[in-house]
Amino acid sequence: MNMTLTFDTLQFVQRLKKAGIKETEAEAIAEAVRDVQNNSDLATKHDLSEVKAKLETSDLATKHDLAEVKVKLETSDLATKRDLAEVKAELIKWVVTVVVAVGVLQTSIITALIMRLIPG
């Protein structure tokens, strides 16, 4: 992202001299400005556009990641519903078995009582 900016020191010195600054002082100021410019870590428009492009790409990746998570959650939710349906079916089988067993037991008890009550 590092881009070199051009700085016309001669033109800068000439402007300073026209403004009434001595040539040696103008040259010293121009060198100082050039040094600051060369040693600074300023972002250029090009740098900013590169960062913007990376952020947009990163944002799209994040949206894609969220979409994948949503699909996984929905799939997980469906598996849970399927599991609940299986549990419900097992409970119904168990309840029916218990009801039938209780009915058979009641029938057996009633039959045994009737058999005792009938003389014979």
PDB file of N, CA and C in Angstrom:
ATOM      1  N   MET A   1       0.810  -1.194   0.000  1.00  0.00           N
ATOM      2  CA  MET A   1       0.000   0.000   0.000  1.00  0.00           C
ATOM      3  C   MET A   1       0.857   1.264   0.000  1.00  0.00           C
ATOM      4  N   ASN A   2       2.126   1.120  -0.049  1.00  0.00           N
ATOM      5  CA  ASN A   2       2.997   2.277   0.039  1.00  0.00           C
ATOM      6  C   ASN A   2       3.173   2.895  -1.341  1.00  0.00           C
ATOM      7  N   MET A   3       2.840   4.166  -1.479  1.00  0.00           N
ATOM      8  CA  MET A   3       2.940   4.877  -2.740  1.00  0.00           C
ATOM      9  C   MET A   3       3.764   6.129  -2.520  1.00  0.00           C
ATOM     10  N   THR A   4       4.690   6.414  -3.431  1.00  0.00           N
ATOM     11  CA  THR A   4       5.533   7.589  -3.297  1.00  0.00           C
ATOM     12  C   THR A   4       4.817   8.809  -3.875  1.00  0.00           C
ATOM     13  N   LEU A   5       4.781   9.868  -3.099  1.00  0.00           N
ATOM     14  CA  LEU A   5       4.188  11.114  -3.558  1.00  0.00           C
ATOM     15  C   LEU A   5       5.317  12.031  -4.030  1.00  0.00           C
ATOM     16  N   THR A   6       5.089  12.700  -5.147  1.00  0.00           N
ATOM     17  CA  THR A   6       6.132  13.600  -5.664  1.00  0.00           C
ATOM     18  C   THR A   6       5.959  14.986  -5.054  1.00  0.00           C
ATOM     19  N   PHE A   7       7.116  15.594  -4.760  1.00  0.00           N
ATOM     20  CA  PHE A   7       7.123  16.925  -4.160  1.00  0.00           C
ATOM     21  C   PHE A   7       8.192  17.740  -4.880  1.00  0.00           C
ATOM     22  N   ASP A   8       7.778  18.792  -5.554  1.00  0.00           N
ATOM     23  CA  ASP A   8       8.699  19.638  -6.316  1.00  0.00           C
ATOM     24  C   ASP A   8       9.320  20.663  -5.368  1.00  0.00           C
ATOM     25  N   THR A   9      10.511  20.311  -4.854  1.00  0.00           N
ATOM     26  CA  THR A   9      11.173  21.197  -3.881  1.00  0.00           C
ATOM     27  C   THR A   9      11.604  22.510  -4.524  1.00  0.00           C
ATOM     28  N   LEU A  10      12.034  22.472  -5.793  1.00  0.00           N
ATOM     29  CA  LEU A  10      12.492  23.699  -6.456  1.00  0.00           C
ATOM     30  C   LEU A  10      11.343  24.700  -6.570  1.00  0.00           C
ATOM     31  N   GLN A  11      10.200  24.221  -7.031  1.00  0.00           N
ATOM     32  CA  GLN A  11       9.029  25.103  -7.151  1.00  0.00           C
ATOM     33  C   GLN A  11       8.619  25.632  -5.770  1.00  0.00           C
ATOM     34  N   PHE A  12       8.685  24.790  -4.757  1.00  0.00           N
ATOM     35  CA  PHE A  12       8.333  25.198  -3.401  1.00  0.00           C
ATOM     36  C   PHE A  12       9.286  26.288  -2.893  1.00  0.00           C
ATOM     37  N   VAL A  13      10.591  26.103  -3.144  1.00  0.00           N
ATOM     38  CA  VAL A  13      11.600  27.094  -2.724  1.00  0.00           C
ATOM     39  C   VAL A  13      11.343  28.421  -3.436  1.00  0.00           C
ATOM     40  N   GLN A  14      11.043  28.365  -4.730  1.00  0.00           N
ATOM     41  CA  GLN A  14      10.786  29.593  -5.489  1.00  0.00           C
ATOM     42  C   GLN A  14       9.560  30.333  -4.941  1.00  0.00           C
ATOM     43  N   ARG A  15       8.524  29.610  -4.570  1.00  0.00           N
ATOM     44  CA  ARG A  15       7.343  30.253  -3.985  1.00  0.00           C
ATOM     45  C   ARG A  15       7.680  30.926  -2.662  1.00  0.00           C
ATOM     46  N   LEU A  16       8.449  30.235  -1.848  1.00  0.00           N
ATOM     47  CA  LEU A  16       8.845  30.820  -0.560  1.00  0.00           C
ATOM     48  C   LEU A  16       9.693  32.075  -0.754  1.00  0.00           C
ATOM     49  N   LYS A  17      10.590  32.033  -1.740  1.00  0.00           N
ATOM     50  CA  LYS A  17      11.440  33.210  -2.015  1.00  0.00           C
ATOM     51  C   LYS A  17      10.589  34.381  -2.493  1.00  0.00           C
ATOM     52  N   LYS A  18       9.590  34.128  -3.328  1.00  0.00           N
ATOM     53  CA  LYS A  18       8.708  35.195  -3.793  1.00  0.00           C
ATOM     54  C   LYS A  18       7.930  35.799  -2.625  1.00  0.00           C
ATOM     55  N   ALA A  19       7.676  34.963  -1.591  1.00  0.00           N
ATOM     56  CA  ALA A  19       6.945  35.443  -0.432  1.00  0.00           C
ATOM     57  C   ALA A  19       7.845  36.216   0.532  1.00  0.00           C
ATOM     58  N   GLY A  20       9.142  36.315   0.190  1.00  0.00           N
ATOM     59  CA  GLY A  20      10.051  37.115   1.008  1.00  0.00           C
ATOM     60  C   GLY A  20      10.938  36.308   1.945  1.00  0.00           C
ATOM     61  N   ILE A  21      10.970  35.032   1.823  1.00  0.00           N
ATOM     62  CA  ILE A  21      11.824  34.213   2.684  1.00  0.00           C
ATOM     63  C   ILE A  21      13.175  34.045   1.990  1.00  0.00           C
ATOM     64  N   LYS A  22      14.256  34.117   2.785  1.00  0.00           N
ATOM     65  CA  LYS A  22      15.605  33.959   2.234  1.00  0.00           C
ATOM     66  C   LYS A  22      15.754  32.575   1.616  1.00  0.00           C
ATOM     67  N   GLU A  23      16.621  32.491   0.608  1.00  0.00           N
ATOM     68  CA  GLU A  23      16.794  31.245  -0.131  1.00  0.00           C
ATOM     69  C   GLU A  23      17.255  30.098   0.779  1.00  0.00           C
ATOM     70  N   THR A  24      18.188  30.328   1.676  1.00  0.00           N
ATOM     71  CA  THR A  24      18.680  29.255   2.567  1.00  0.00           C
ATOM     72  C   THR A  24      17.559  28.757   3.494  1.00  0.00           C
ATOM     73  N   GLU A  25      16.758  29.696   3.966  1.00  0.00           N
ATOM     74  CA  GLU A  25      15.638  29.301   4.820  1.00  0.00           C
ATOM     75  C   GLU A  25      14.579  28.535   4.024  1.00  0.00           C
ATOM     76  N   ALA A  26      14.310  28.998   2.794  1.00  0.00           N
ATOM     77  CA  ALA A  26      13.333  28.351   1.920  1.00  0.00           C
ATOM     78  C   ALA A  26      13.773  26.920   1.598  1.00  0.00           C
ATOM     79  N   GLU A  27      15.094  26.751   1.344  1.00  0.00           N
ATOM     80  CA  GLU A  27      15.617  25.410   1.044  1.00  0.00           C
ATOM     81  C   GLU A  27      15.489  24.493   2.274  1.00  0.00           C
ATOM     82  N   ALA A  28      15.783  25.059   3.463  1.00  0.00           N
ATOM     83  CA  ALA A  28      15.670  24.268   4.689  1.00  0.00           C
ATOM     84  C   ALA A  28      14.222  23.853   4.934  1.00  0.00           C
ATOM     85  N   ILE A  29      13.294  24.765   4.702  1.00  0.00           N
ATOM     86  CA  ILE A  29      11.865  24.447   4.867  1.00  0.00           C
ATOM     87  C   ILE A  29      11.443  23.378   3.863  1.00  0.00           C
ATOM     88  N   ALA A  30      11.874  23.507   2.612  1.00  0.00           N
ATOM     89  CA  ALA A  30      11.523  22.543   1.569  1.00  0.00           C
ATOM     90  C   ALA A  30      12.053  21.149   1.918  1.00  0.00           C
ATOM     91  N   GLU A  31      13.299  21.088   2.425  1.00  0.00           N
ATOM     92  CA  GLU A  31      13.863  19.795   2.820  1.00  0.00           C
ATOM     93  C   GLU A  31      13.080  19.192   3.988  1.00  0.00           C
ATOM     94  N   ALA A  32      12.712  20.031   4.933  1.00  0.00           N
ATOM     95  CA  ALA A  32      11.951  19.541   6.087  1.00  0.00           C
ATOM     96  C   ALA A  32      10.592  19.004   5.645  1.00  0.00           C
ATOM     97  N   VAL A  33       9.927  19.709   4.747  1.00  0.00           N
ATOM     98  CA  VAL A  33       8.622  19.251   4.242  1.00  0.00           C
ATOM     99  C   VAL A  33       8.782  17.939   3.496  1.00  0.00           C
ATOM    100  N   ARG A  34       9.831  17.846   2.664  1.00  0.00           N
ATOM    101  CA  ARG A  34      10.082  16.617   1.909  1.00  0.00           C
ATOM    102  C   ARG A  34      10.357  15.448   2.858  1.00  0.00           C
ATOM    103  N   ASP A  35      11.159  15.671   3.902  1.00  0.00           N
ATOM    104  CA  ASP A  35      11.470  14.613   4.867  1.00  0.00           C
ATOM    105  C   ASP A  35      10.217  14.138   5.594  1.00  0.00           C
ATOM    106  N   VAL A  36       9.395  15.089   5.999  1.00  0.00           N
ATOM    107  CA  VAL A  36       8.143  14.720   6.683  1.00  0.00           C
ATOM    108  C   VAL A  36       7.263  13.904   5.746  1.00  0.00           C
ATOM    109  N   GLN A  37       7.185  14.356   4.504  1.00  0.00           N
ATOM    110  CA  GLN A  37       6.342  13.656   3.530  1.00  0.00           C
ATOM    111  C   GLN A  37       6.874  12.244   3.269  1.00  0.00           C
ATOM    112  N   ASN A  38       8.180  12.095   3.127  1.00  0.00           N
ATOM    113  CA  ASN A  38       8.764  10.788   2.830  1.00  0.00           C
ATOM    114  C   ASN A  38       8.705   9.839   4.027  1.00  0.00           C
ATOM    115  N   ASN A  39       8.748  10.389   5.215  1.00  0.00           N
ATOM    116  CA  ASN A  39       8.772   9.541   6.410  1.00  0.00           C
ATOM    117  C   ASN A  39       7.396   9.351   7.044  1.00  0.00           C
ATOM    118  N   SER A  40       6.391  10.010   6.485  1.00  0.00           N
ATOM    119  CA  SER A  40       5.059   9.868   7.064  1.00  0.00           C
ATOM    120  C   SER A  40       4.392   8.612   6.526  1.00  0.00           C
ATOM    121  N   ASP A  41       3.413   8.161   7.260  1.00  0.00           N
ATOM    122  CA  ASP A  41       2.682   6.963   6.879  1.00  0.00           C
ATOM    123  C   ASP A  41       1.249   7.338   6.529  1.00  0.00           C
ATOM    124  N   LEU A  42       1.101   8.297   5.614  1.00  0.00           N
ATOM    125  CA  LEU A  42      -0.220   8.765   5.219  1.00  0.00           C
ATOM    126  C   LEU A  42      -0.830   7.819   4.193  1.00  0.00           C
ATOM    127  N   ALA A  43      -2.121   7.666   4.265  1.00  0.00           N
ATOM    128  CA  ALA A  43      -2.834   6.827   3.316  1.00  0.00           C
ATOM    129  C   ALA A  43      -3.221   7.663   2.102  1.00  0.00           C
ATOM    130  N   THR A  44      -3.006   7.086   0.937  1.00  0.00           N
ATOM    131  CA  THR A  44      -3.401   7.758  -0.303  1.00  0.00           C
ATOM    132  C   THR A  44      -4.810   7.309  -0.680  1.00  0.00           C
ATOM    133  N   LYS A  45      -5.389   7.942  -1.699  1.00  0.00           N
ATOM    134  CA  LYS A  45      -6.703   7.519  -2.183  1.00  0.00           C
ATOM    135  C   LYS A  45      -6.637   6.075  -2.670  1.00  0.00           C
ATOM    136  N   HIS A  46      -5.511   5.728  -3.285  1.00  0.00           N
ATOM    137  CA  HIS A  46      -5.316   4.354  -3.762  1.00  0.00           C
ATOM    138  C   HIS A  46      -5.309   3.381  -2.575  1.00  0.00           C
ATOM    139  N   ASP A  47      -4.596   3.735  -1.510  1.00  0.00           N
ATOM    140  CA  ASP A  47      -4.568   2.904  -0.300  1.00  0.00           C
ATOM    141  C   ASP A  47      -5.974   2.703   0.241  1.00  0.00           C
ATOM    142  N   LEU A  48      -6.741   3.785   0.316  1.00  0.00           N
ATOM    143  CA  LEU A  48      -8.095   3.715   0.854  1.00  0.00           C
ATOM    144  C   LEU A  48      -9.008   2.852  -0.018  1.00  0.00           C
ATOM    145  N   SER A  49      -8.858   2.959  -1.339  1.00  0.00           N
ATOM    146  CA  SER A  49      -9.699   2.143  -2.221  1.00  0.00           C
ATOM    147  C   SER A  49      -9.344   0.663  -2.081  1.00  0.00           C
ATOM    148  N   GLU A  50      -8.054   0.346  -1.850  1.00  0.00           N
ATOM    149  CA  GLU A  50      -7.666  -1.050  -1.617  1.00  0.00           C
ATOM    150  C   GLU A  50      -8.286  -1.581  -0.327  1.00  0.00           C
ATOM    151  N   VAL A  51      -8.250  -0.767   0.718  1.00  0.00           N
ATOM    152  CA  VAL A  51      -8.833  -1.170   1.998  1.00  0.00           C
ATOM    153  C   VAL A  51     -10.341  -1.348   1.844  1.00  0.00           C
ATOM    154  N   LYS A  52     -10.985  -0.438   1.127  1.00  0.00           N
ATOM    155  CA  LYS A  52     -12.431  -0.536   0.912  1.00  0.00           C
ATOM    156  C   LYS A  52     -12.776  -1.833   0.182  1.00  0.00           C
ATOM    157  N   ALA A  53     -11.985  -2.161  -0.847  1.00  0.00           N
ATOM    158  CA  ALA A  53     -12.232  -3.394  -1.602  1.00  0.00           C
ATOM    159  C   ALA A  53     -12.070  -4.619  -0.703  1.00  0.00           C
ATOM    160  N   LYS A  54     -11.057  -4.601   0.158  1.00  0.00           N
ATOM    161  CA  LYS A  54     -10.850  -5.735   1.073  1.00  0.00           C
ATOM    162  C   LYS A  54     -12.005  -5.850   2.068  1.00  0.00           C
ATOM    163  N   LEU A  55     -12.491  -4.716   2.564  1.00  0.00           N
ATOM    164  CA  LEU A  55     -13.611  -4.736   3.506  1.00  0.00           C
ATOM    165  C   LEU A  55     -14.875  -5.269   2.845  1.00  0.00           C
ATOM    166  N   GLU A  56     -15.114  -4.852   1.605  1.00  0.00           N
ATOM    167  CA  GLU A  56     -16.292  -5.340   0.896  1.00  0.00           C
ATOM    168  C   GLU A  56     -16.206  -6.841   0.676  1.00  0.00           C
ATOM    169  N   THR A  57     -15.013  -7.327   0.318  1.00  0.00           N
ATOM    170  CA  THR A  57     -14.812  -8.761   0.134  1.00  0.00           C
ATOM    171  C   THR A  57     -15.005  -9.482   1.460  1.00  0.00           C
ATOM    172  N   SER A  58     -14.467  -8.912   2.519  1.00  0.00           N
ATOM    173  CA  SER A  58     -14.609  -9.497   3.856  1.00  0.00           C
ATOM    174  C   SER A  58     -16.073  -9.528   4.259  1.00  0.00           C
ATOM    175  N   ASP A  59     -16.814  -8.473   3.963  1.00  0.00           N
ATOM    176  CA  ASP A  59     -18.238  -8.396   4.294  1.00  0.00           C
ATOM    177  C   ASP A  59     -19.008  -9.482   3.557  1.00  0.00           C
ATOM    178  N   LEU A  60     -18.669  -9.698   2.276  1.00  0.00           N
ATOM    179  CA  LEU A  60     -19.352 -10.737   1.511  1.00  0.00           C
ATOM    180  C   LEU A  60     -19.051 -12.106   2.090  1.00  0.00           C
ATOM    181  N   ALA A  61     -17.796 -12.316   2.487  1.00  0.00           N
ATOM    182  CA  ALA A  61     -17.446 -13.596   3.094  1.00  0.00           C
ATOM    183  C   ALA A  61     -18.223 -13.791   4.385  1.00  0.00           C
ATOM    184  N   THR A  62     -18.386 -12.754   5.162  1.00  0.00           N
ATOM    185  CA  THR A  62     -19.131 -12.846   6.412  1.00  0.00           C
ATOM    186  C   THR A  62     -20.588 -13.183   6.134  1.00  0.00           C
ATOM    187  N   LYS A  63     -21.184 -12.547   5.138  1.00  0.00           N
ATOM    188  CA  LYS A  63     -22.574 -12.851   4.788  1.00  0.00           C
ATOM    189  C   LYS A  63     -22.698 -14.302   4.337  1.00  0.00           C
ATOM    190  N   HIS A  64     -21.707 -14.764   3.574  1.00  0.00           N
ATOM    191  CA  HIS A  64     -21.699 -16.153   3.114  1.00  0.00           C
ATOM    192  C   HIS A  64     -21.596 -17.102   4.311  1.00  0.00           C
ATOM    193  N   ASP A  65     -20.703 -16.772   5.253  1.00  0.00           N
ATOM    194  CA  ASP A  65     -20.541 -17.593   6.453  1.00  0.00           C
ATOM    195  C   ASP A  65     -21.841 -17.648   7.247  1.00  0.00           C
ATOM    196  N   LEU A  66     -22.517 -16.509   7.377  1.00  0.00           N
ATOM    197  CA  LEU A  66     -23.788 -16.477   8.104  1.00  0.00           C
ATOM    198  C   LEU A  66     -24.852 -17.315   7.401  1.00  0.00           C
ATOM    199  N   ALA A  67     -24.856 -17.286   6.078  1.00  0.00           N
ATOM    200  CA  ALA A  67     -25.810 -18.097   5.322  1.00  0.00           C
ATOM    201  C   ALA A  67     -25.555 -19.579   5.568  1.00  0.00           C
ATOM    202  N   GLU A  68     -24.272 -19.974   5.621  1.00  0.00           N
ATOM    203  CA  GLU A  68     -23.939 -21.372   5.896  1.00  0.00           C
ATOM    204  C   GLU A  68     -24.402 -21.770   7.297  1.00  0.00           C
ATOM    205  N   VAL A  69     -24.186 -20.898   8.266  1.00  0.00           N
ATOM    206  CA  VAL A  69     -24.618 -21.173   9.639  1.00  0.00           C
ATOM    207  C   VAL A  69     -26.137 -21.317   9.694  1.00  0.00           C
ATOM    208  N   LYS A  70     -26.853 -20.446   8.968  1.00  0.00           N
ATOM    209  CA  LYS A  70     -28.313 -20.514   8.948  1.00  0.00           C
ATOM    210  C   LYS A  70     -28.780 -21.854   8.391  1.00  0.00           C
ATOM    211  N   VAL A  71     -28.147 -22.304   7.295  1.00  0.00           N
ATOM    212  CA  VAL A  71     -28.517 -23.593   6.706  1.00  0.00           C
ATOM    213  C   VAL A  71     -28.252 -24.722   7.693  1.00  0.00           C
ATOM    214  N   LYS A  72     -27.105 -24.657   8.382  1.00  0.00           N
ATOM    215  CA  LYS A  72     -26.790 -25.702   9.357  1.00  0.00           C
ATOM    216  C   LYS A  72     -27.795 -25.709  10.494  1.00  0.00           C
ATOM    217  N   LEU A  73     -28.196 -24.534  10.959  1.00  0.00           N
ATOM    218  CA  LEU A  73     -29.188 -24.460  12.027  1.00  0.00           C
ATOM    219  C   LEU A  73     -30.533 -25.014  11.583  1.00  0.00           C
ATOM    220  N   GLU A  74     -30.926 -24.662  10.359  1.00  0.00           N
ATOM    221  CA  GLU A  74     -32.196 -25.176   9.842  1.00  0.00           C
ATOM    222  C   GLU A  74     -32.146 -26.692   9.706  1.00  0.00           C
ATOM    223  N   THR A  75     -31.030 -27.217   9.229  1.00  0.00           N
ATOM    224  CA  THR A  75     -30.863 -28.666   9.100  1.00  0.00           C
ATOM    225  C   THR A  75     -30.901 -29.314  10.475  1.00  0.00           C
ATOM    226  N   SER A  76     -30.228 -28.692  11.410  1.00  0.00           N
ATOM    227  CA  SER A  76     -30.213 -29.201  12.783  1.00  0.00           C
ATOM    228  C   SER A  76     -31.615 -29.181  13.366  1.00  0.00           C
ATOM    229  N   ASP A  77     -32.363 -28.133  13.094  1.00  0.00           N
ATOM    230  CA  ASP A  77     -33.739 -28.016  13.581  1.00  0.00           C
ATOM    231  C   ASP A  77     -34.604 -29.121  12.989  1.00  0.00           C
ATOM    232  N   LEU A  78     -34.427 -29.417  11.706  1.00  0.00           N
ATOM    233  CA  LEU A  78     -35.205 -30.480  11.083  1.00  0.00           C
ATOM    234  C   LEU A  78     -34.852 -31.822  11.698  1.00  0.00           C
ATOM    235  N   ALA A  79     -33.587 -32.043  11.978  1.00  0.00           N
ATOM    236  CA  ALA A  79     -33.188 -33.295  12.614  1.00  0.00           C
ATOM    237  C   ALA A  79     -33.841 -33.403  13.985  1.00  0.00           C
ATOM    238  N   THR A  80     -33.918 -32.307  14.697  1.00  0.00           N
ATOM    239  CA  THR A  80     -34.547 -32.309  16.016  1.00  0.00           C
ATOM    240  C   THR A  80     -36.036 -32.632  15.886  1.00  0.00           C
ATOM    241  N   LYS A  81     -36.709 -32.059  14.905  1.00  0.00           N
ATOM    242  CA  LYS A  81     -38.123 -32.350  14.695  1.00  0.00           C
ATOM    243  C   LYS A  81     -38.308 -33.835  14.345  1.00  0.00           C
ATOM    244  N   ARG A  82     -37.402 -34.362  13.539  1.00  0.00           N
ATOM    245  CA  ARG A  82     -37.467 -35.777  13.173  1.00  0.00           C
ATOM    246  C   ARG A  82     -37.263 -36.639  14.418  1.00  0.00           C
ATOM    247  N   ASP A  83     -36.292 -36.240  15.238  1.00  0.00           N
ATOM    248  CA  ASP A  83     -36.047 -36.986  16.483  1.00  0.00           C
ATOM    249  C   ASP A  83     -37.275 -36.957  17.385  1.00  0.00           C
ATOM    250  N   LEU A  84     -37.914 -35.799  17.497  1.00  0.00           N
ATOM    251  CA  LEU A  84     -39.116 -35.694  18.322  1.00  0.00           C
ATOM    252  C   LEU A  84     -40.237 -36.567  17.780  1.00  0.00           C
ATOM    253  N   ALA A  85     -40.365 -36.628  16.477  1.00  0.00           N
ATOM    254  CA  ALA A  85     -41.404 -37.475  15.869  1.00  0.00           C
ATOM    255  C   ALA A  85     -41.136 -38.939  16.187  1.00  0.00           C
ATOM    256  N   GLU A  86     -39.861 -39.351  16.153  1.00  0.00           N
ATOM    257  CA  GLU A  86     -39.511 -40.732  16.482  1.00  0.00           C
ATOM    258  C   GLU A  86     -39.822 -41.026  17.951  1.00  0.00           C
ATOM    259  N   VAL A  87     -39.489 -40.091  18.819  1.00  0.00           N
ATOM    260  CA  VAL A  87     -39.771 -40.262  20.246  1.00  0.00           C
ATOM    261  C   VAL A  87     -41.284 -40.353  20.473  1.00  0.00           C
ATOM    262  N   LYS A  88     -42.016 -39.502  19.786  1.00  0.00           N
ATOM    263  CA  LYS A  88     -43.482 -39.515  19.913  1.00  0.00           C
ATOM    264  C   LYS A  88     -44.034 -40.881  19.482  1.00  0.00           C
ATOM    265  N   ALA A  89     -43.513 -41.397  18.375  1.00  0.00           N
ATOM    266  CA  ALA A  89     -43.975 -42.699  17.885  1.00  0.00           C
ATOM    267  C   ALA A  89     -43.645 -43.794  18.898  1.00  0.00           C
ATOM    268  N   GLU A  90     -42.461 -43.751  19.481  1.00  0.00           N
ATOM    269  CA  GLU A  90     -42.087 -44.737  20.494  1.00  0.00           C
ATOM    270  C   GLU A  90     -42.983 -44.629  21.726  1.00  0.00           C
ATOM    271  N   LEU A  91     -43.300 -43.402  22.149  1.00  0.00           N
ATOM    272  CA  LEU A  91     -44.187 -43.205  23.297  1.00  0.00           C
ATOM    273  C   LEU A  91     -45.578 -43.758  23.025  1.00  0.00           C
ATOM    274  N   ILE A  92     -46.079 -43.527  21.823  1.00  0.00           N
ATOM    275  CA  ILE A  92     -47.409 -44.042  21.457  1.00  0.00           C
ATOM    276  C   ILE A  92     -47.402 -45.566  21.509  1.00  0.00           C
ATOM    277  N   LYS A  93     -46.338 -46.189  20.964  1.00  0.00           N
ATOM    278  CA  LYS A  93     -46.243 -47.659  21.012  1.00  0.00           C
ATOM    279  C   LYS A  93     -46.229 -48.137  22.468  1.00  0.00           C
ATOM    280  N   TRP A  94     -45.460 -47.444  23.302  1.00  0.00           N
ATOM    281  CA  TRP A  94     -45.360 -47.827  24.705  1.00  0.00           C
ATOM    282  C   TRP A  94     -46.708 -47.693  25.413  1.00  0.00           C
ATOM    283  N   VAL A  95     -47.398 -46.575  25.185  1.00  0.00           N
ATOM    284  CA  VAL A  95     -48.705 -46.353  25.812  1.00  0.00           C
ATOM    285  C   VAL A  95     -49.702 -47.412  25.349  1.00  0.00           C
ATOM    286  N   VAL A  96     -49.725 -47.703  24.078  1.00  0.00           N
ATOM    287  CA  VAL A  96     -50.643 -48.730  23.558  1.00  0.00           C
ATOM    288  C   VAL A  96     -50.330 -50.075  24.207  1.00  0.00           C
ATOM    289  N   THR A  97     -49.052 -50.407  24.304  1.00  0.00           N
ATOM    290  CA  THR A  97     -48.648 -51.672  24.934  1.00  0.00           C
ATOM    291  C   THR A  97     -49.107 -51.726  26.387  1.00  0.00           C
ATOM    292  N   VAL A  98     -48.921 -50.625  27.121  1.00  0.00           N
ATOM    293  CA  VAL A  98     -49.337 -50.571  28.520  1.00  0.00           C
ATOM    294  C   VAL A  98     -50.856 -50.694  28.625  1.00  0.00           C
ATOM    295  N   VAL A  99     -51.584 -49.997  27.771  1.00  0.00           N
ATOM    296  CA  VAL A  99     -53.052 -50.063  27.801  1.00  0.00           C
ATOM    297  C   VAL A  99     -53.517 -51.480  27.517  1.00  0.00           C
ATOM    298  N   VAL A 100     -52.942 -52.126  26.532  1.00  0.00           N
ATOM    299  CA  VAL A 100     -53.322 -53.507  26.197  1.00  0.00           C
ATOM    300  C   VAL A 100     -52.980 -54.431  27.368  1.00  0.00           C
ATOM    301  N   ALA A 101     -51.791 -54.245  27.951  1.00  0.00           N
ATOM    302  CA  ALA A 101     -51.376 -55.094  29.080  1.00  0.00           C
ATOM    303  C   ALA A 101     -52.314 -54.910  30.261  1.00  0.00           C
ATOM    304  N   VAL A 102     -52.680 -53.659  30.545  1.00  0.00           N
ATOM    305  CA  VAL A 102     -53.612 -53.392  31.644  1.00  0.00           C
ATOM    306  C   VAL A 102     -54.965 -54.036  31.342  1.00  0.00           C
ATOM    307  N   GLY A 103     -55.408 -53.933  30.103  1.00  0.00           N
ATOM    308  CA  GLY A 103     -56.686 -54.561  29.708  1.00  0.00           C
ATOM    309  C   GLY A 103     -56.642 -56.063  29.882  1.00  0.00           C
ATOM    310  N   VAL A 104     -55.549 -56.680  29.468  1.00  0.00           N
ATOM    311  CA  VAL A 104     -55.405 -58.129  29.622  1.00  0.00           C
ATOM    312  C   VAL A 104     -55.375 -58.490  31.104  1.00  0.00           C
ATOM    313  N   LEU A 105     -54.657 -57.717  31.887  1.00  0.00           N
ATOM    314  CA  LEU A 105     -54.574 -57.966  33.330  1.00  0.00           C
ATOM    315  C   LEU A 105     -55.954 -57.841  33.985  1.00  0.00           C
ATOM    316  N   GLN A 106     -56.683 -56.797  33.612  1.00  0.00           N
ATOM    317  CA  GLN A 106     -58.031 -56.604  34.170  1.00  0.00           C
ATOM    318  C   GLN A 106     -58.939 -57.768  33.782  1.00  0.00           C
ATOM    319  N   THR A 107     -58.854 -58.162  32.529  1.00  0.00           N
ATOM    320  CA  THR A 107     -59.671 -59.280  32.053  1.00  0.00           C
ATOM    321  C   THR A 107     -59.326 -60.545  32.822  1.00  0.00           C
ATOM    322  N   SER A 108     -58.039 -60.756  33.047  1.00  0.00           N
ATOM    323  CA  SER A 108     -57.608 -61.950  33.784  1.00  0.00           C
ATOM    324  C   SER A 108     -58.115 -61.923  35.217  1.00  0.00           C
ATOM    325  N   ILE A 109     -58.034 -60.762  35.857  1.00  0.00           N
ATOM    326  CA  ILE A 109     -58.489 -60.625  37.242  1.00  0.00           C
ATOM    327  C   ILE A 109     -59.994 -60.842  37.322  1.00  0.00           C
ATOM    328  N   ILE A 110     -60.745 -60.238  36.427  1.00  0.00           N
ATOM    329  CA  ILE A 110     -62.207 -60.381  36.415  1.00  0.00           C
ATOM    330  C   ILE A 110     -62.583 -61.839  36.161  1.00  0.00           C
ATOM    331  N   THR A 111     -61.896 -62.461  35.220  1.00  0.00           N
ATOM    332  CA  THR A 111     -62.168 -63.878  34.917  1.00  0.00           C
ATOM    333  C   THR A 111     -61.897 -64.739  36.149  1.00  0.00           C
ATOM    334  N   ALA A 112     -60.778 -64.463  36.815  1.00  0.00           N
ATOM    335  CA  ALA A 112     -60.434 -65.249  38.012  1.00  0.00           C
ATOM    336  C   ALA A 112     -61.474 -65.043  39.097  1.00  0.00           C
ATOM    337  N   LEU A 113     -61.943 -63.824  39.285  1.00  0.00           N
ATOM    338  CA  LEU A 113     -62.959 -63.555  40.294  1.00  0.00           C
ATOM    339  C   LEU A 113     -64.276 -64.245  39.954  1.00  0.00           C
ATOM    340  N   ILE A 114     -64.649 -64.174  38.697  1.00  0.00           N
ATOM    341  CA  ILE A 114     -65.890 -64.813  38.263  1.00  0.00           C
ATOM    342  C   ILE A 114     -65.790 -66.323  38.470  1.00  0.00           C
ATOM    343  N   MET A 115     -64.648 -66.895  38.173  1.00  0.00           N
ATOM    344  CA  MET A 115     -64.454 -68.330  38.307  1.00  0.00           C
ATOM    345  C   MET A 115     -64.582 -68.744  39.786  1.00  0.00           C
ATOM    346  N   ARG A 116     -64.156 -67.908  40.689  1.00  0.00           N
ATOM    347  CA  ARG A 116     -64.262 -68.205  42.114  1.00  0.00           C
ATOM    348  C   ARG A 116     -65.698 -68.054  42.610  1.00  0.00           C
ATOM    349  N   LEU A 117     -66.384 -67.109  42.018  1.00  0.00           N
ATOM    350  CA  LEU A 117     -67.752 -66.849  42.454  1.00  0.00           C
ATOM    351  C   LEU A 117     -68.736 -67.913  41.964  1.00  0.00           C
ATOM    352  N   ILE A 118     -68.468 -68.511  40.838  1.00  0.00           N
ATOM    353  CA  ILE A 118     -69.379 -69.517  40.282  1.00  0.00           C
ATOM    354  C   ILE A 118     -69.094 -70.851  41.002  1.00  0.00           C
ATOM    355  N   PRO A 119     -70.176 -71.427  41.579  1.00  0.00           N
ATOM    356  CA  PRO A 119     -69.970 -72.702  42.262  1.00  0.00           C
ATOM    357  C   PRO A 119     -69.767 -73.829  41.246  1.00  0.00           C
ATOM    358  N   GLY A 120     -68.935 -74.625  41.526  1.00  0.00           N
ATOM    359  CA  GLY A 120     -68.884 -75.672  40.628  1.00  0.00           C
ATOM    360  C   GLY A 120     -67.911 -76.659  40.633  1.00  0.00           C
TER     361      GLY A 120
END
